[in-house]
């Protein structure tokens, strides 16, 4: 068996193990009725205003019919998670994961992790080696999931990427996003998908942006490895103190965005709530 074939088989086993641990079965969605169920699931998660749906039934139909990724996680007969993506650059190598979500009653069971491992195996079977997606860099749990649990790494900071978003998850402020690159064949990703995520080295790291009594405070440092903090719960903060939430938005944009624009590399995310960033010029 070739190394490529062995990698695919290992990815399939990892995906099946993750689905079993989460108590779900994951399958591609092709029937119109299943796509409609996925649409309703996304509606229940995002609670969007009319015209602001994260994805439509029609688009999912086109994606699945033309070779894109549309899959769902089932607990018994109930659809509790779903994801959709389309082929992207680099041509013949990339998939962009546009939307993924898990029902509230299924959260805490690692259903999202199982979906991503299914997506990885699906992509490797088709000869793809990178999956990209965007996320809000202020949402701590998503940053930890993406960087620590999956081994994906930020490639680009995108200020106000989607413009105003009218749903219950996003606020009306700038929709900054970080574009992630998930290198499916890399050792860090393979270790993460086998349940052994790598831990970034922070022995010489110093805080650049810190959370001081709930507020962002930047202190300049010459360290080669720096920590960029995010708030503990930005979604609650947006409702309680929208002014402070916006302050965090611009503090992280001016710090993490500036670092990425300058060629720095994010090497991980700490459970305590900070990005670990290596600066090449130091």
Protein backbone atom coordinates (compact mmCIF):
# COMPACT_ATOMS: atom_id res chain seq x y z
CA UNK A 1 0.00 0.00 0.00
CA UNK A 2 1.34 3.44 -0.93
CA UNK A 3 1.88 6.15 1.67
CA UNK A 4 -1.02 8.14 0.18
CA UNK A 5 -3.40 5.18 0.37
CA UNK A 6 -2.32 4.44 3.94
CA UNK A 7 -3.00 8.07 4.91
CA UNK A 8 -6.51 7.86 3.44
CA UNK A 9 -7.27 4.65 5.32
CA UNK A 10 -5.99 6.13 8.57
CA UNK A 11 -8.12 9.24 8.04
CA UNK A 12 -11.19 7.08 7.47
CA UNK A 13 -10.53 5.15 10.68
CA UNK A 14 -10.00 8.36 12.64
CA UNK A 15 -13.28 9.73 11.28
CA UNK A 16 -15.23 6.60 12.16
CA UNK A 17 -13.73 6.54 15.65
CA UNK A 18 -14.67 10.19 16.22
CA UNK A 19 -18.22 9.61 15.00
CA UNK A 20 -18.57 6.55 17.26
CA UNK A 21 -17.29 8.51 20.26
CA UNK A 22 -19.79 11.29 19.53
CA UNK A 23 -22.64 8.83 19.14
CA UNK A 24 -23.45 9.81 15.56
CA UNK A 25 -23.33 8.48 12.04
CA UNK A 26 -22.11 10.89 9.37
CA UNK A 27 -23.17 10.66 5.77
CA UNK A 28 -23.24 12.78 2.65
CA UNK A 29 -26.61 14.43 2.00
CA UNK A 30 -28.12 14.12 -1.48
CA UNK A 31 -31.86 13.76 -1.01
CA UNK A 32 -33.81 17.00 -1.18
CA UNK A 33 -35.60 16.15 2.07
CA UNK A 34 -32.25 15.83 3.88
CA UNK A 35 -31.02 19.13 2.46
CA UNK A 36 -34.19 20.75 3.74
CA UNK A 37 -33.53 19.26 7.17
CA UNK A 38 -30.01 20.70 7.08
CA UNK A 39 -31.41 24.10 6.14
CA UNK A 40 -33.81 24.01 9.11
CA UNK A 41 -30.95 22.98 11.38
CA UNK A 42 -28.86 25.95 10.30
CA UNK A 43 -31.88 28.22 10.76
CA UNK A 44 -32.33 26.97 14.32
CA UNK A 45 -28.64 27.53 15.10
CA UNK A 46 -28.14 30.99 13.57
CA UNK A 47 -31.71 32.38 13.87
CA UNK A 48 -31.10 34.67 10.89
CA UNK A 49 -33.33 37.45 9.70
CA UNK A 50 -35.01 36.81 6.33
CA UNK A 51 -32.48 37.08 3.54
CA UNK A 52 -29.51 36.42 5.87
CA UNK A 53 -29.56 32.62 5.89
CA UNK A 54 -26.06 31.09 6.16
CA UNK A 55 -26.89 28.82 3.20
CA UNK A 56 -29.96 27.91 1.16
CA UNK A 57 -31.39 24.57 0.13
CA UNK A 58 -30.78 25.50 -3.51
CA UNK A 59 -27.09 26.16 -2.93
CA UNK A 60 -26.62 22.92 -1.01
CA UNK A 61 -28.38 21.12 -3.85
CA UNK A 62 -25.94 22.58 -6.38
CA UNK A 63 -22.92 21.83 -4.18
CA UNK A 64 -23.76 18.16 -3.67
CA UNK A 65 -24.67 17.69 -7.33
CA UNK A 66 -21.45 19.22 -8.67
CA UNK A 67 -18.98 17.44 -6.41
CA UNK A 68 -18.95 19.70 -3.37
CA UNK A 69 -19.20 18.61 0.25
CA UNK A 70 -22.58 18.40 1.98
CA UNK A 71 -22.82 16.05 4.96
CA UNK A 72 -24.88 15.53 8.08
CA UNK A 73 -24.43 13.94 11.49
CA UNK A 74 -27.32 11.74 12.63
CA UNK A 75 -28.14 10.65 16.16
CA UNK A 76 -30.64 7.86 15.55
CA UNK A 77 -32.92 9.48 12.98
CA UNK A 78 -32.30 13.05 14.13
CA UNK A 79 -30.02 15.37 12.17
CA UNK A 80 -27.86 17.05 14.85
CA UNK A 81 -25.06 18.52 12.75
CA UNK A 82 -24.26 19.43 9.17
CA UNK A 83 -21.61 21.05 7.01
CA UNK A 84 -21.24 22.26 3.44
CA UNK A 85 -18.28 23.32 1.33
CA UNK A 86 -17.13 23.83 -2.23
CA UNK A 87 -14.00 23.08 -4.22
CA UNK A 88 -11.59 26.00 -4.07
CA UNK A 89 -8.08 27.17 -4.84
CA UNK A 90 -5.53 25.74 -5.12
CA UNK A 91 -7.32 24.07 -8.03
CA UNK A 92 -7.47 20.32 -7.60
CA UNK A 93 -6.17 20.51 -4.05
CA UNK A 94 -8.50 22.67 -1.99
CA UNK A 95 -11.93 22.60 -0.36
CA UNK A 96 -13.49 25.65 1.32
CA UNK A 97 -15.78 24.73 4.20
CA UNK A 98 -18.46 27.42 4.00
CA UNK A 99 -20.74 26.51 6.89
CA UNK A 100 -20.92 23.94 9.69
CA UNK A 101 -23.07 23.76 12.77
CA UNK A 102 -24.26 21.50 15.57
CA UNK A 103 -27.66 21.57 17.26
CA UNK A 104 -27.73 22.89 20.81
CA UNK A 105 -28.85 19.59 22.32
CA UNK A 106 -25.88 17.80 20.74
CA UNK A 107 -23.16 20.24 21.78
CA UNK A 108 -20.51 18.98 24.18
CA UNK A 109 -20.40 15.57 22.49
CA UNK A 110 -17.67 16.40 19.94
CA UNK A 111 -20.10 16.15 17.02
CA UNK A 112 -18.34 19.09 15.34
CA UNK A 113 -15.00 17.30 15.67
CA UNK A 114 -16.48 14.18 14.09
CA UNK A 115 -17.86 16.25 11.20
CA UNK A 116 -14.47 17.82 10.52
CA UNK A 117 -12.71 14.45 10.55
CA UNK A 118 -15.32 13.13 8.11
CA UNK A 119 -14.63 16.17 5.93
CA UNK A 120 -10.89 15.49 6.07
CA UNK A 121 -11.31 11.87 4.99
CA UNK A 122 -13.74 12.93 2.24
CA UNK A 123 -11.20 15.44 0.92
CA UNK A 124 -8.25 13.04 1.03
CA UNK A 125 -10.21 10.39 -0.87
CA UNK A 126 -10.61 12.97 -3.66
CA UNK A 127 -6.94 13.89 -3.76
CA UNK A 128 -7.34 17.19 -1.90
CA UNK A 129 -4.80 18.19 0.73
CA UNK A 130 -6.02 21.49 2.19
CA UNK A 131 -9.33 22.69 3.64
CA UNK A 132 -9.95 26.35 4.41
CA UNK A 133 -12.66 28.10 6.37
CA UNK A 134 -13.19 31.35 8.25
CA UNK A 135 -14.07 32.01 11.87
CA UNK A 136 -14.48 34.96 14.20
CA UNK A 137 -11.12 35.34 15.98
CA UNK A 138 -12.83 36.70 19.11
CA UNK A 139 -14.78 33.49 19.80
CA UNK A 140 -12.48 31.66 22.20
CA UNK A 141 -14.05 28.20 22.03
CA UNK A 142 -13.91 28.21 18.22
CA UNK A 143 -10.29 29.35 18.22
CA UNK A 144 -9.36 26.52 20.58
CA UNK A 145 -11.33 23.98 18.54
CA UNK A 146 -9.86 25.05 15.21
CA UNK A 147 -6.24 25.51 16.24
CA UNK A 148 -5.74 23.16 19.19
CA UNK A 149 -8.15 20.29 18.50
CA UNK A 150 -7.85 20.23 14.70
CA UNK A 151 -4.37 21.62 14.09
CA UNK A 152 -5.54 24.24 11.56
CA UNK A 153 -3.51 27.43 11.33
CA UNK A 154 -4.44 31.03 10.44
CA UNK A 155 -3.37 32.15 7.00
CA UNK A 156 -4.92 35.62 6.75
CA UNK A 157 -6.76 38.23 8.82
CA UNK A 158 -9.84 39.55 6.98
CA UNK A 159 -11.33 42.80 8.40
CA UNK A 160 -15.13 43.07 8.13
CA UNK A 161 -15.10 40.16 5.68
CA UNK A 162 -18.86 39.63 5.35
CA UNK A 163 -20.08 43.11 6.22
CA UNK A 164 -23.04 43.41 8.63
CA UNK A 165 -24.54 40.03 9.57
CA UNK A 166 -28.17 39.84 10.66
CA UNK A 167 -28.49 36.81 12.91
CA UNK A 168 -28.45 35.89 16.60
CA UNK A 169 -24.84 34.68 16.64
CA UNK A 170 -23.12 37.62 14.98
CA UNK A 171 -23.63 41.21 16.01
CA UNK A 172 -24.08 44.24 13.77
CA UNK A 173 -20.43 45.33 14.15
CA UNK A 174 -17.51 44.53 11.84
CA UNK A 175 -17.48 40.87 10.81
CA UNK A 176 -13.72 40.31 11.07
CA UNK A 177 -12.64 36.79 10.25
CA UNK A 178 -9.48 34.71 10.22
CA UNK A 179 -8.98 32.46 7.22
CA UNK A 180 -7.70 29.07 8.31
CA UNK A 181 -5.59 26.60 6.38
CA UNK A 182 -5.99 22.97 7.42
CA UNK A 183 -3.09 21.06 5.88
CA UNK A 184 -4.61 17.60 5.82
CA UNK A 185 -1.40 15.62 5.34
CA UNK A 186 0.73 17.56 7.84
CA UNK A 187 2.02 15.88 11.02
CA UNK A 188 0.26 18.35 13.34
CA UNK A 189 -3.11 17.69 11.70
CA UNK A 190 -2.55 13.94 11.64
CA UNK A 191 -1.70 13.99 15.35
CA UNK A 192 -4.75 16.12 16.17
CA UNK A 193 -7.07 13.83 14.22
CA UNK A 194 -5.63 10.84 16.06
CA UNK A 195 -6.53 12.52 19.36
CA UNK A 196 -2.99 13.66 20.16
CA UNK A 197 -2.92 17.40 19.39
CA UNK A 198 0.46 19.08 19.56
CA UNK A 199 1.08 21.78 22.18
CA UNK A 200 2.79 25.03 21.13
CA UNK A 201 6.04 25.99 22.83
CA UNK A 202 5.44 29.02 25.07
CA UNK A 203 8.57 28.81 27.23
CA UNK A 204 9.82 32.17 25.93
CA UNK A 205 6.45 33.71 25.08
CA UNK A 206 5.45 37.12 26.42
CA UNK A 207 2.01 38.79 26.40
CA UNK A 208 1.46 41.36 23.67
CA UNK A 209 -2.30 41.78 24.10
CA UNK A 210 -3.70 40.80 27.50
CA UNK A 211 -7.08 40.60 29.19
CA UNK A 212 -6.82 42.91 32.22
CA UNK A 213 -10.03 42.95 34.24
CA UNK A 214 -11.98 42.21 31.09
CA UNK A 215 -10.40 44.92 28.95
CA UNK A 216 -7.79 44.53 26.18
CA UNK A 217 -4.40 45.95 27.16
CA UNK A 218 -1.45 45.96 24.78
CA UNK A 219 2.11 46.09 26.11
CA UNK A 220 4.96 46.19 23.59
CA UNK A 221 7.60 43.48 23.85
CA UNK A 222 10.60 42.41 21.85
CA UNK A 223 9.93 38.71 22.35
CA UNK A 224 10.00 36.45 19.34
CA UNK A 225 6.94 34.54 20.55
CA UNK A 226 3.99 36.57 21.81
CA UNK A 227 0.52 35.90 23.20
CA UNK A 228 -2.60 37.65 21.92
CA UNK A 229 -5.57 37.30 24.26
CA UNK A 230 -9.28 37.29 23.41
CA UNK A 231 -12.20 37.84 25.80
CA UNK A 232 -13.64 34.92 27.76
CA UNK A 233 -17.10 35.13 26.15
CA UNK A 234 -17.47 37.68 23.36
CA UNK A 235 -21.04 36.63 22.58
CA UNK A 236 -22.27 37.44 26.08
CA UNK A 237 -20.16 40.59 26.14
CA UNK A 238 -21.84 41.88 22.97
CA UNK A 239 -25.17 41.86 24.77
CA UNK A 240 -23.91 43.25 28.08
CA UNK A 241 -21.37 45.85 26.91
CA UNK A 242 -21.34 46.36 23.12
CA UNK A 243 -18.86 49.24 23.42
CA UNK A 244 -16.31 47.00 25.14
CA UNK A 245 -17.00 44.26 22.60
CA UNK A 246 -16.09 46.66 19.79
CA UNK A 247 -12.97 47.69 21.72
CA UNK A 248 -11.91 44.04 21.75
CA UNK A 249 -12.65 43.75 18.04
CA UNK A 250 -10.29 46.55 17.10
CA UNK A 251 -7.63 45.58 19.66
CA UNK A 252 -7.39 42.06 18.21
CA UNK A 253 -7.56 43.40 14.64
CA UNK A 254 -4.73 45.84 15.33
CA UNK A 255 -2.63 43.17 17.07
CA UNK A 256 -3.30 39.78 15.50
CA UNK A 257 -4.10 41.29 12.11
CA UNK A 258 -0.93 43.38 12.19
CA UNK A 259 1.17 40.34 13.10
CA UNK A 260 -0.25 38.19 10.30
CA UNK A 261 0.14 41.00 7.77
CA UNK A 262 3.80 41.26 8.79
CA UNK A 263 4.42 37.57 8.12
CA UNK A 264 4.11 36.20 11.65
CA UNK A 265 2.94 32.62 12.17
CA UNK A 266 0.26 31.55 14.63
CA UNK A 267 1.44 28.26 16.12
CA UNK A 268 -1.51 27.47 18.36
CA UNK A 269 -4.14 28.61 20.81
CA UNK A 270 -4.05 28.15 24.57
CA UNK A 271 -7.04 26.95 26.54
CA UNK A 272 -6.50 29.97 28.78
CA UNK A 273 -7.53 32.16 25.84
CA UNK A 274 -4.53 33.40 23.84
CA UNK A 275 -3.12 32.94 20.35
CA UNK A 276 0.54 31.90 20.30
CA UNK A 277 2.34 33.85 17.59
CA UNK A 278 5.90 33.56 16.32
CA UNK A 279 7.41 36.73 14.84
CA UNK A 280 9.97 35.99 12.11
CA UNK A 281 11.76 39.34 12.53
CA UNK A 282 12.65 38.58 16.16
